[in-house]
Amino acid sequence: MVYGHGQPERLRKAFHSDFNLYTVAKDALWIRSGEEYISNVKVGEKVNRIGKIISIDIEKDAAIAKAEILIPNDRVFTDYFLLLKYEGSWKIVHKSYSWRYLSK
């Protein structure tokens, strides 16, 4: 998983420069800029997260991917990525997510 390995430049290559993250907090839409998200990733800093791809649905130059990101002993995130292929490569143009605490 890229986020967990402290590689912000790799994230910048994967995401479109104008992407945002969307979630719901306290029954309200919460939008975070992609640059703010990436700025929290420190070069070389590894974090305790385990990611896995659940599904990918591709149609020509558009795709949706679903992933789960586990923070052991804390919570699990479910991420939904909207991707588009242009200029010869795939880019994540938007991300929405939800999360829940793990049962203790």
PDB file of N, CA and C in Angstrom:
ATOM      1  N   MET A   1       0.834  -1.174   0.000  1.00  0.00           N
ATOM      2  CA  MET A   1       0.000   0.000   0.000  1.00  0.00           C
ATOM      3  C   MET A   1       0.881   1.241   0.000  1.00  0.00           C
ATOM      4  N   VAL A   2       0.602   2.175  -0.856  1.00  0.00           N
ATOM      5  CA  VAL A   2       1.447   3.349  -1.028  1.00  0.00           C
ATOM      6  C   VAL A   2       1.459   4.241   0.202  1.00  0.00           C
ATOM      7  N   TYR A   3       0.298   4.555   0.763  1.00  0.00           N
ATOM      8  CA  TYR A   3       0.228   5.481   1.900  1.00  0.00           C
ATOM      9  C   TYR A   3       1.078   4.984   3.057  1.00  0.00           C
ATOM     10  N   GLY A   4       1.051   3.698   3.293  1.00  0.00           N
ATOM     11  CA  GLY A   4       1.746   3.117   4.426  1.00  0.00           C
ATOM     12  C   GLY A   4       3.253   3.068   4.297  1.00  0.00           C
ATOM     13  N   HIS A   5       3.781   3.459   3.151  1.00  0.00           N
ATOM     14  CA  HIS A   5       5.217   3.351   2.945  1.00  0.00           C
ATOM     15  C   HIS A   5       5.927   4.691   2.801  1.00  0.00           C
ATOM     16  N   GLY A   6       5.291   5.777   3.149  1.00  0.00           N
ATOM     17  CA  GLY A   6       5.948   7.076   3.165  1.00  0.00           C
ATOM     18  C   GLY A   6       6.471   7.527   1.814  1.00  0.00           C
ATOM     19  N   GLN A   7       5.633   7.449   0.777  1.00  0.00           N
ATOM     20  CA  GLN A   7       6.046   7.839  -0.568  1.00  0.00           C
ATOM     21  C   GLN A   7       5.075   8.871  -1.161  1.00  0.00           C
ATOM     22  N   PRO A   8       5.128  10.119  -0.686  1.00  0.00           N
ATOM     23  CA  PRO A   8       4.182  11.122  -1.181  1.00  0.00           C
ATOM     24  C   PRO A   8       4.297  11.381  -2.681  1.00  0.00           C
ATOM     25  N   GLU A   9       5.483  11.304  -3.253  1.00  0.00           N
ATOM     26  CA  GLU A   9       5.628  11.544  -4.696  1.00  0.00           C
ATOM     27  C   GLU A   9       4.938  10.451  -5.506  1.00  0.00           C
ATOM     28  N   ARG A  10       4.947   9.261  -4.994  1.00  0.00           N
ATOM     29  CA  ARG A  10       4.234   8.169  -5.670  1.00  0.00           C
ATOM     30  C   ARG A  10       2.723   8.428  -5.643  1.00  0.00           C
ATOM     31  N   LEU A  11       2.235   8.966  -4.545  1.00  0.00           N
ATOM     32  CA  LEU A  11       0.820   9.340  -4.468  1.00  0.00           C
ATOM     33  C   LEU A  11       0.507  10.449  -5.465  1.00  0.00           C
ATOM     34  N   ARG A  12       1.379  11.427  -5.568  1.00  0.00           N
ATOM     35  CA  ARG A  12       1.148  12.527  -6.519  1.00  0.00           C
ATOM     36  C   ARG A  12       1.059  12.006  -7.947  1.00  0.00           C
ATOM     37  N   LYS A  13       1.808  10.969  -8.275  1.00  0.00           N
ATOM     38  CA  LYS A  13       1.736  10.378  -9.611  1.00  0.00           C
ATOM     39  C   LYS A  13       0.437   9.611  -9.812  1.00  0.00           C
ATOM     40  N   ALA A  14      -0.094   9.005  -8.757  1.00  0.00           N
ATOM     41  CA  ALA A  14      -1.296   8.176  -8.867  1.00  0.00           C
ATOM     42  C   ALA A  14      -2.572   9.010  -8.945  1.00  0.00           C
ATOM     43  N   PHE A  15      -2.575  10.169  -8.299  1.00  0.00           N
ATOM     44  CA  PHE A  15      -3.774  10.995  -8.217  1.00  0.00           C
ATOM     45  C   PHE A  15      -3.700  12.178  -9.180  1.00  0.00           C
ATOM     46  N   HIS A  16      -4.844  12.551  -9.729  1.00  0.00           N
ATOM     47  CA  HIS A  16      -4.941  13.780 -10.522  1.00  0.00           C
ATOM     48  C   HIS A  16      -4.645  14.961  -9.599  1.00  0.00           C
ATOM     49  N   SER A  17      -4.048  15.993 -10.124  1.00  0.00           N
ATOM     50  CA  SER A  17      -3.621  17.117  -9.277  1.00  0.00           C
ATOM     51  C   SER A  17      -4.780  17.847  -8.597  1.00  0.00           C
ATOM     52  N   ASP A  18      -5.991  17.753  -9.129  1.00  0.00           N
ATOM     53  CA  ASP A  18      -7.148  18.440  -8.539  1.00  0.00           C
ATOM     54  C   ASP A  18      -8.069  17.518  -7.741  1.00  0.00           C
ATOM     55  N   PHE A  19      -7.609  16.312  -7.402  1.00  0.00           N
ATOM     56  CA  PHE A  19      -8.521  15.373  -6.748  1.00  0.00           C
ATOM     57  C   PHE A  19      -8.877  15.823  -5.334  1.00  0.00           C
ATOM     58  N   ASN A  20     -10.041  15.366  -4.890  1.00  0.00           N
ATOM     59  CA  ASN A  20     -10.512  15.600  -3.528  1.00  0.00           C
ATOM     60  C   ASN A  20     -10.912  14.274  -2.901  1.00  0.00           C
ATOM     61  N   LEU A  21     -11.025  14.269  -1.592  1.00  0.00           N
ATOM     62  CA  LEU A  21     -11.527  13.122  -0.840  1.00  0.00           C
ATOM     63  C   LEU A  21     -12.863  13.522  -0.243  1.00  0.00           C
ATOM     64  N   TYR A  22     -13.812  12.598  -0.273  1.00  0.00           N
ATOM     65  CA  TYR A  22     -15.161  12.867   0.221  1.00  0.00           C
ATOM     66  C   TYR A  22     -15.550  11.816   1.249  1.00  0.00           C
ATOM     67  N   THR A  23     -16.150  12.265   2.337  1.00  0.00           N
ATOM     68  CA  THR A  23     -16.703  11.360   3.331  1.00  0.00           C
ATOM     69  C   THR A  23     -17.857  12.077   4.025  1.00  0.00           C
ATOM     70  N   VAL A  24     -18.506  11.373   4.933  1.00  0.00           N
ATOM     71  CA  VAL A  24     -19.589  11.954   5.720  1.00  0.00           C
ATOM     72  C   VAL A  24     -19.155  11.935   7.178  1.00  0.00           C
ATOM     73  N   ALA A  25     -19.277  13.082   7.846  1.00  0.00           N
ATOM     74  CA  ALA A  25     -18.953  13.190   9.269  1.00  0.00           C
ATOM     75  C   ALA A  25     -20.100  13.928   9.953  1.00  0.00           C
ATOM     76  N   LYS A  26     -20.655  13.321  10.978  1.00  0.00           N
ATOM     77  CA  LYS A  26     -21.786  13.912  11.713  1.00  0.00           C
ATOM     78  C   LYS A  26     -22.916  14.311  10.771  1.00  0.00           C
ATOM     79  N   ASP A  27     -23.214  13.411   9.824  1.00  0.00           N
ATOM     80  CA  ASP A  27     -24.303  13.568   8.862  1.00  0.00           C
ATOM     81  C   ASP A  27     -24.116  14.756   7.918  1.00  0.00           C
ATOM     82  N   ALA A  28     -22.881  15.191   7.726  1.00  0.00           N
ATOM     83  CA  ALA A  28     -22.584  16.282   6.798  1.00  0.00           C
ATOM     84  C   ALA A  28     -21.467  15.852   5.846  1.00  0.00           C
ATOM     85  N   LEU A  29     -21.538  16.341   4.609  1.00  0.00           N
ATOM     86  CA  LEU A  29     -20.491  16.061   3.635  1.00  0.00           C
ATOM     87  C   LEU A  29     -19.204  16.752   4.065  1.00  0.00           C
ATOM     88  N   TRP A  30     -18.108  16.006   4.034  1.00  0.00           N
ATOM     89  CA  TRP A  30     -16.803  16.530   4.400  1.00  0.00           C
ATOM     90  C   TRP A  30     -15.891  16.350   3.202  1.00  0.00           C
ATOM     91  N   ILE A  31     -15.285  17.431   2.728  1.00  0.00           N
ATOM     92  CA  ILE A  31     -14.409  17.401   1.558  1.00  0.00           C
ATOM     93  C   ILE A  31     -13.021  17.843   1.984  1.00  0.00           C
ATOM     94  N   ARG A  32     -12.039  17.055   1.580  1.00  0.00           N
ATOM     95  CA  ARG A  32     -10.640  17.349   1.911  1.00  0.00           C
ATOM     96  C   ARG A  32      -9.853  17.394   0.609  1.00  0.00           C
ATOM     97  N   SER A  33      -8.969  18.348   0.466  1.00  0.00           N
ATOM     98  CA  SER A  33      -8.185  18.433  -0.768  1.00  0.00           C
ATOM     99  C   SER A  33      -7.164  17.302  -0.829  1.00  0.00           C
ATOM    100  N   GLY A  34      -6.874  16.890  -2.030  1.00  0.00           N
ATOM    101  CA  GLY A  34      -5.867  15.856  -2.220  1.00  0.00           C
ATOM    102  C   GLY A  34      -4.501  16.290  -1.732  1.00  0.00           C
ATOM    103  N   GLU A  35      -4.175  17.548  -1.942  1.00  0.00           N
ATOM    104  CA  GLU A  35      -2.869  18.036  -1.502  1.00  0.00           C
ATOM    105  C   GLU A  35      -2.756  17.993   0.017  1.00  0.00           C
ATOM    106  N   GLU A  36      -3.831  18.314   0.712  1.00  0.00           N
ATOM    107  CA  GLU A  36      -3.823  18.213   2.176  1.00  0.00           C
ATOM    108  C   GLU A  36      -3.593  16.760   2.602  1.00  0.00           C
ATOM    109  N   TYR A  37      -4.271  15.841   1.936  1.00  0.00           N
ATOM    110  CA  TYR A  37      -4.123  14.408   2.212  1.00  0.00           C
ATOM    111  C   TYR A  37      -2.671  13.969   2.010  1.00  0.00           C
ATOM    112  N   ILE A  38      -2.103  14.314   0.864  1.00  0.00           N
ATOM    113  CA  ILE A  38      -0.736  13.895   0.551  1.00  0.00           C
ATOM    114  C   ILE A  38       0.273  14.567   1.482  1.00  0.00           C
ATOM    115  N   SER A  39       0.006  15.794   1.900  1.00  0.00           N
ATOM    116  CA  SER A  39       0.955  16.506   2.769  1.00  0.00           C
ATOM    117  C   SER A  39       1.129  15.823   4.125  1.00  0.00           C
ATOM    118  N   ASN A  40       0.186  14.965   4.506  1.00  0.00           N
ATOM    119  CA  ASN A  40       0.312  14.222   5.765  1.00  0.00           C
ATOM    120  C   ASN A  40       1.220  13.003   5.650  1.00  0.00           C
ATOM    121  N   VAL A  41       1.609  12.658   4.434  1.00  0.00           N
ATOM    122  CA  VAL A  41       2.497  11.514   4.215  1.00  0.00           C
ATOM    123  C   VAL A  41       3.930  12.025   4.229  1.00  0.00           C
ATOM    124  N   LYS A  42       4.710  11.540   5.163  1.00  0.00           N
ATOM    125  CA  LYS A  42       6.099  11.979   5.314  1.00  0.00           C
ATOM    126  C   LYS A  42       7.036  10.978   4.637  1.00  0.00           C
ATOM    127  N   VAL A  43       7.997  11.490   3.889  1.00  0.00           N
ATOM    128  CA  VAL A  43       8.930  10.650   3.146  1.00  0.00           C
ATOM    129  C   VAL A  43       9.601   9.644   4.075  1.00  0.00           C
ATOM    130  N   GLY A  44       9.514   8.371   3.705  1.00  0.00           N
ATOM    131  CA  GLY A  44      10.163   7.305   4.448  1.00  0.00           C
ATOM    132  C   GLY A  44       9.466   6.859   5.717  1.00  0.00           C
ATOM    133  N   GLU A  45       8.417   7.544   6.134  1.00  0.00           N
ATOM    134  CA  GLU A  45       7.714   7.188   7.372  1.00  0.00           C
ATOM    135  C   GLU A  45       6.708   6.069   7.104  1.00  0.00           C
ATOM    136  N   LYS A  46       6.944   4.940   7.712  1.00  0.00           N
ATOM    137  CA  LYS A  46       6.035   3.806   7.550  1.00  0.00           C
ATOM    138  C   LYS A  46       4.980   3.854   8.650  1.00  0.00           C
ATOM    139  N   VAL A  47       3.742   3.546   8.263  1.00  0.00           N
ATOM    140  CA  VAL A  47       2.656   3.514   9.234  1.00  0.00           C
ATOM    141  C   VAL A  47       2.056   2.120   9.252  1.00  0.00           C
ATOM    142  N   ASN A  48       1.397   1.808  10.343  1.00  0.00           N
ATOM    143  CA  ASN A  48       0.855   0.475  10.558  1.00  0.00           C
ATOM    144  C   ASN A  48      -0.509   0.342   9.878  1.00  0.00           C
ATOM    145  N   ARG A  49      -0.499   0.133   8.556  1.00  0.00           N
ATOM    146  CA  ARG A  49      -1.736  -0.040   7.797  1.00  0.00           C
ATOM    147  C   ARG A  49      -1.581  -1.209   6.843  1.00  0.00           C
ATOM    148  N   ILE A  50      -2.669  -1.921   6.658  1.00  0.00           N
ATOM    149  CA  ILE A  50      -2.676  -3.067   5.755  1.00  0.00           C
ATOM    150  C   ILE A  50      -3.789  -2.837   4.747  1.00  0.00           C
ATOM    151  N   GLY A  51      -3.435  -2.763   3.467  1.00  0.00           N
ATOM    152  CA  GLY A  51      -4.425  -2.494   2.434  1.00  0.00           C
ATOM    153  C   GLY A  51      -4.646  -3.684   1.526  1.00  0.00           C
ATOM    154  N   LYS A  52      -5.886  -3.798   1.024  1.00  0.00           N
ATOM    155  CA  LYS A  52      -6.168  -4.823   0.023  1.00  0.00           C
ATOM    156  C   LYS A  52      -7.240  -4.306  -0.928  1.00  0.00           C
ATOM    157  N   ILE A  53      -7.093  -4.689  -2.189  1.00  0.00           N
ATOM    158  CA  ILE A  53      -8.075  -4.330  -3.204  1.00  0.00           C
ATOM    159  C   ILE A  53      -9.216  -5.332  -3.128  1.00  0.00           C
ATOM    160  N   ILE A  54     -10.439  -4.829  -3.041  1.00  0.00           N
ATOM    161  CA  ILE A  54     -11.630  -5.678  -2.980  1.00  0.00           C
ATOM    162  C   ILE A  54     -12.171  -5.931  -4.379  1.00  0.00           C
ATOM    163  N   SER A  55     -12.247  -4.882  -5.196  1.00  0.00           N
ATOM    164  CA  SER A  55     -12.775  -5.050  -6.555  1.00  0.00           C
ATOM    165  C   SER A  55     -12.320  -3.911  -7.450  1.00  0.00           C
ATOM    166  N   ILE A  56     -12.328  -4.204  -8.758  1.00  0.00           N
ATOM    167  CA  ILE A  56     -12.059  -3.200  -9.784  1.00  0.00           C
ATOM    168  C   ILE A  56     -13.039  -3.455 -10.920  1.00  0.00           C
ATOM    169  N   ASP A  57     -13.701  -2.401 -11.381  1.00  0.00           N
ATOM    170  CA  ASP A  57     -14.634  -2.485 -12.502  1.00  0.00           C
ATOM    171  C   ASP A  57     -14.161  -1.491 -13.557  1.00  0.00           C
ATOM    172  N   ILE A  58     -13.796  -2.011 -14.739  1.00  0.00           N
ATOM    173  CA  ILE A  58     -13.235  -1.178 -15.804  1.00  0.00           C
ATOM    174  C   ILE A  58     -14.152  -1.205 -17.019  1.00  0.00           C
ATOM    175  N   GLU A  59     -14.373  -0.041 -17.587  1.00  0.00           N
ATOM    176  CA  GLU A  59     -15.075   0.089 -18.863  1.00  0.00           C
ATOM    177  C   GLU A  59     -14.321   1.114 -19.701  1.00  0.00           C
ATOM    178  N   LYS A  60     -13.603   0.607 -20.691  1.00  0.00           N
ATOM    179  CA  LYS A  60     -12.811   1.425 -21.606  1.00  0.00           C
ATOM    180  C   LYS A  60     -11.812   2.290 -20.842  1.00  0.00           C
ATOM    181  N   ASP A  61     -12.093   3.583 -20.689  1.00  0.00           N
ATOM    182  CA  ASP A  61     -11.132   4.488 -20.054  1.00  0.00           C
ATOM    183  C   ASP A  61     -11.611   4.999 -18.696  1.00  0.00           C
ATOM    184  N   ALA A  62     -12.580   4.295 -18.105  1.00  0.00           N
ATOM    185  CA  ALA A  62     -13.091   4.661 -16.777  1.00  0.00           C
ATOM    186  C   ALA A  62     -13.113   3.423 -15.891  1.00  0.00           C
ATOM    187  N   ALA A  63     -12.887   3.623 -14.602  1.00  0.00           N
ATOM    188  CA  ALA A  63     -12.887   2.491 -13.670  1.00  0.00           C
ATOM    189  C   ALA A  63     -13.273   2.953 -12.271  1.00  0.00           C
ATOM    190  N   ILE A  64     -13.767   1.986 -11.514  1.00  0.00           N
ATOM    191  CA  ILE A  64     -14.031   2.182 -10.091  1.00  0.00           C
ATOM    192  C   ILE A  64     -13.294   1.072  -9.349  1.00  0.00           C
ATOM    193  N   ALA A  65     -12.590   1.438  -8.291  1.00  0.00           N
ATOM    194  CA  ALA A  65     -11.894   0.451  -7.469  1.00  0.00           C
ATOM    195  C   ALA A  65     -12.356   0.599  -6.024  1.00  0.00           C
ATOM    196  N   LYS A  66     -12.478  -0.540  -5.353  1.00  0.00           N
ATOM    197  CA  LYS A  66     -12.832  -0.562  -3.931  1.00  0.00           C
ATOM    198  C   LYS A  66     -11.673  -1.205  -3.181  1.00  0.00           C
ATOM    199  N   ALA A  67     -11.264  -0.567  -2.082  1.00  0.00           N
ATOM    200  CA  ALA A  67     -10.163  -1.092  -1.276  1.00  0.00           C
ATOM    201  C   ALA A  67     -10.520  -0.999   0.198  1.00  0.00           C
ATOM    202  N   GLU A  68      -9.920  -1.881   0.985  1.00  0.00           N
ATOM    203  CA  GLU A  68     -10.044  -1.812   2.445  1.00  0.00           C
ATOM    204  C   GLU A  68      -8.669  -1.552   3.028  1.00  0.00           C
ATOM    205  N   ILE A  69      -8.617  -0.634   3.967  1.00  0.00           N
ATOM    206  CA  ILE A  69      -7.371  -0.282   4.643  1.00  0.00           C
ATOM    207  C   ILE A  69      -7.579  -0.530   6.136  1.00  0.00           C
ATOM    208  N   LEU A  70      -6.829  -1.463   6.670  1.00  0.00           N
ATOM    209  CA  LEU A  70      -6.937  -1.838   8.077  1.00  0.00           C
ATOM    210  C   LEU A  70      -5.856  -1.137   8.889  1.00  0.00           C
ATOM    211  N   ILE A  71      -6.282  -0.489   9.960  1.00  0.00           N
ATOM    212  CA  ILE A  71      -5.353   0.003  10.973  1.00  0.00           C
ATOM    213  C   ILE A  71      -5.535  -0.957  12.145  1.00  0.00           C
ATOM    214  N   PRO A  72      -4.596  -1.906  12.330  1.00  0.00           N
ATOM    215  CA  PRO A  72      -4.779  -2.945  13.343  1.00  0.00           C
ATOM    216  C   PRO A  72      -5.138  -2.380  14.719  1.00  0.00           C
ATOM    217  N   ASN A  73      -6.060  -3.061  15.376  1.00  0.00           N
ATOM    218  CA  ASN A  73      -6.536  -2.712  16.719  1.00  0.00           C
ATOM    219  C   ASN A  73      -7.225  -1.349  16.787  1.00  0.00           C
ATOM    220  N   ASP A  74      -7.682  -0.832  15.653  1.00  0.00           N
ATOM    221  CA  ASP A  74      -8.320   0.481  15.666  1.00  0.00           C
ATOM    222  C   ASP A  74      -9.544   0.536  14.756  1.00  0.00           C
ATOM    223  N   ARG A  75      -9.330   0.623  13.432  1.00  0.00           N
ATOM    224  CA  ARG A  75     -10.454   0.808  12.507  1.00  0.00           C
ATOM    225  C   ARG A  75     -10.128   0.264  11.125  1.00  0.00           C
ATOM    226  N   VAL A  76     -11.153   0.192  10.298  1.00  0.00           N
ATOM    227  CA  VAL A  76     -10.986  -0.208   8.906  1.00  0.00           C
ATOM    228  C   VAL A  76     -11.664   0.847   8.027  1.00  0.00           C
ATOM    229  N   PHE A  77     -10.950   1.272   7.010  1.00  0.00           N
ATOM    230  CA  PHE A  77     -11.478   2.213   6.028  1.00  0.00           C
ATOM    231  C   PHE A  77     -11.928   1.439   4.798  1.00  0.00           C
ATOM    232  N   THR A  78     -13.015   1.855   4.192  1.00  0.00           N
ATOM    233  CA  THR A  78     -13.424   1.356   2.888  1.00  0.00           C
ATOM    234  C   THR A  78     -13.319   2.536   1.936  1.00  0.00           C
ATOM    235  N   ASP A  79     -12.447   2.406   0.938  1.00  0.00           N
ATOM    236  CA  ASP A  79     -12.180   3.475  -0.022  1.00  0.00           C
ATOM    237  C   ASP A  79     -12.773   3.118  -1.376  1.00  0.00           C
ATOM    238  N   TYR A  80     -13.345   4.114  -2.037  1.00  0.00           N
ATOM    239  CA  TYR A  80     -13.862   3.973  -3.395  1.00  0.00           C
ATOM    240  C   TYR A  80     -13.129   4.989  -4.259  1.00  0.00           C
ATOM    241  N   PHE A  81     -12.445   4.498  -5.288  1.00  0.00           N
ATOM    242  CA  PHE A  81     -11.660   5.349  -6.169  1.00  0.00           C
ATOM    243  C   PHE A  81     -12.315   5.428  -7.540  1.00  0.00           C
ATOM    244  N   LEU A  82     -12.429   6.628  -8.091  1.00  0.00           N
ATOM    245  CA  LEU A  82     -12.866   6.833  -9.463  1.00  0.00           C
ATOM    246  C   LEU A  82     -11.610   7.129 -10.272  1.00  0.00           C
ATOM    247  N   LEU A  83     -11.357   6.300 -11.280  1.00  0.00           N
ATOM    248  CA  LEU A  83     -10.153   6.435 -12.092  1.00  0.00           C
ATOM    249  C   LEU A  83     -10.518   6.700 -13.547  1.00  0.00           C
ATOM    250  N   LEU A  84      -9.655   7.453 -14.233  1.00  0.00           N
ATOM    251  CA  LEU A  84      -9.786   7.684 -15.665  1.00  0.00           C
ATOM    252  C   LEU A  84      -8.425   7.462 -16.309  1.00  0.00           C
ATOM    253  N   LYS A  85      -8.447   6.877 -17.510  1.00  0.00           N
ATOM    254  CA  LYS A  85      -7.202   6.665 -18.244  1.00  0.00           C
ATOM    255  C   LYS A  85      -7.107   7.724 -19.336  1.00  0.00           C
ATOM    256  N   TYR A  86      -6.067   8.532 -19.248  1.00  0.00           N
ATOM    257  CA  TYR A  86      -5.828   9.567 -20.255  1.00  0.00           C
ATOM    258  C   TYR A  86      -4.324   9.796 -20.351  1.00  0.00           C
ATOM    259  N   GLU A  87      -3.900  10.288 -21.488  1.00  0.00           N
ATOM    260  CA  GLU A  87      -2.475  10.519 -21.736  1.00  0.00           C
ATOM    261  C   GLU A  87      -1.649   9.276 -21.424  1.00  0.00           C
ATOM    262  N   GLY A  88      -2.235   8.111 -21.689  1.00  0.00           N
ATOM    263  CA  GLY A  88      -1.511   6.855 -21.579  1.00  0.00           C
ATOM    264  C   GLY A  88      -1.427   6.220 -20.207  1.00  0.00           C
ATOM    265  N   SER A  89      -2.055   6.820 -19.187  1.00  0.00           N
ATOM    266  CA  SER A  89      -1.989   6.187 -17.865  1.00  0.00           C
ATOM    267  C   SER A  89      -3.259   6.446 -17.066  1.00  0.00           C
ATOM    268  N   TRP A  90      -3.464   5.606 -16.065  1.00  0.00           N
ATOM    269  CA  TRP A  90      -4.618   5.731 -15.176  1.00  0.00           C
ATOM    270  C   TRP A  90      -4.303   6.736 -14.075  1.00  0.00           C
ATOM    271  N   LYS A  91      -5.294   7.560 -13.739  1.00  0.00           N
ATOM    272  CA  LYS A  91      -5.178   8.501 -12.624  1.00  0.00           C
ATOM    273  C   LYS A  91      -6.423   8.390 -11.754  1.00  0.00           C
ATOM    274  N   ILE A  92      -6.225   8.489 -10.456  1.00  0.00           N
ATOM    275  CA  ILE A  92      -7.355   8.562  -9.530  1.00  0.00           C
ATOM    276  C   ILE A  92      -7.822  10.010  -9.546  1.00  0.00           C
ATOM    277  N   VAL A  93      -9.092  10.219  -9.929  1.00  0.00           N
ATOM    278  CA  VAL A  93      -9.595  11.591 -10.016  1.00  0.00           C
ATOM    279  C   VAL A  93     -10.426  11.976  -8.798  1.00  0.00           C
ATOM    280  N   HIS A  94     -10.982  10.995  -8.105  1.00  0.00           N
ATOM    281  CA  HIS A  94     -11.716  11.264  -6.864  1.00  0.00           C
ATOM    282  C   HIS A  94     -11.665  10.039  -5.961  1.00  0.00           C
ATOM    283  N   LYS A  95     -11.785  10.304  -4.673  1.00  0.00           N
ATOM    284  CA  LYS A  95     -11.819   9.227  -3.679  1.00  0.00           C
ATOM    285  C   LYS A  95     -12.920   9.551  -2.683  1.00  0.00           C
ATOM    286  N   SER A  96     -13.762   8.558  -2.405  1.00  0.00           N
ATOM    287  CA  SER A  96     -14.712   8.684  -1.299  1.00  0.00           C
ATOM    288  C   SER A  96     -14.452   7.515  -0.363  1.00  0.00           C
ATOM    289  N   TYR A  97     -14.773   7.710   0.902  1.00  0.00           N
ATOM    290  CA  TYR A  97     -14.471   6.646   1.859  1.00  0.00           C
ATOM    291  C   TYR A  97     -15.401   6.709   3.054  1.00  0.00           C
ATOM    292  N   SER A  98     -15.415   5.592   3.758  1.00  0.00           N
ATOM    293  CA  SER A  98     -16.119   5.467   5.025  1.00  0.00           C
ATOM    294  C   SER A  98     -15.215   4.659   5.941  1.00  0.00           C
ATOM    295  N   TRP A  99     -15.480   4.687   7.220  1.00  0.00           N
ATOM    296  CA  TRP A  99     -14.673   3.885   8.142  1.00  0.00           C
ATOM    297  C   TRP A  99     -15.518   3.493   9.340  1.00  0.00           C
ATOM    298  N   ARG A 100     -15.029   2.467  10.022  1.00  0.00           N
ATOM    299  CA  ARG A 100     -15.686   2.000  11.242  1.00  0.00           C
ATOM    300  C   ARG A 100     -14.614   1.494  12.197  1.00  0.00           C
ATOM    301  N   TYR A 101     -14.920   1.620  13.482  1.00  0.00           N
ATOM    302  CA  TYR A 101     -14.025   1.065  14.491  1.00  0.00           C
ATOM    303  C   TYR A 101     -14.135  -0.444  14.494  1.00  0.00           C
ATOM    304  N   LEU A 102     -13.038  -1.104  14.809  1.00  0.00           N
ATOM    305  CA  LEU A 102     -13.040  -2.552  14.959  1.00  0.00           C
ATOM    306  C   LEU A 102     -13.639  -2.916  16.307  1.00  0.00           C
ATOM    307  N   SER A 103     -14.313  -4.030  16.357  1.00  0.00           N
ATOM    308  CA  SER A 103     -14.853  -4.519  17.630  1.00  0.00           C
ATOM    309  C   SER A 103     -13.702  -4.897  18.534  1.00  0.00           C
ATOM    310  N   LYS A 104     -13.844  -4.600  19.805  1.00  0.00           N
ATOM    311  CA  LYS A 104     -12.767  -4.928  20.756  1.00  0.00           C
ATOM    312  C   LYS A 104     -13.160  -6.101  21.594  1.00  0.00           C
TER     313      LYS A 104
END
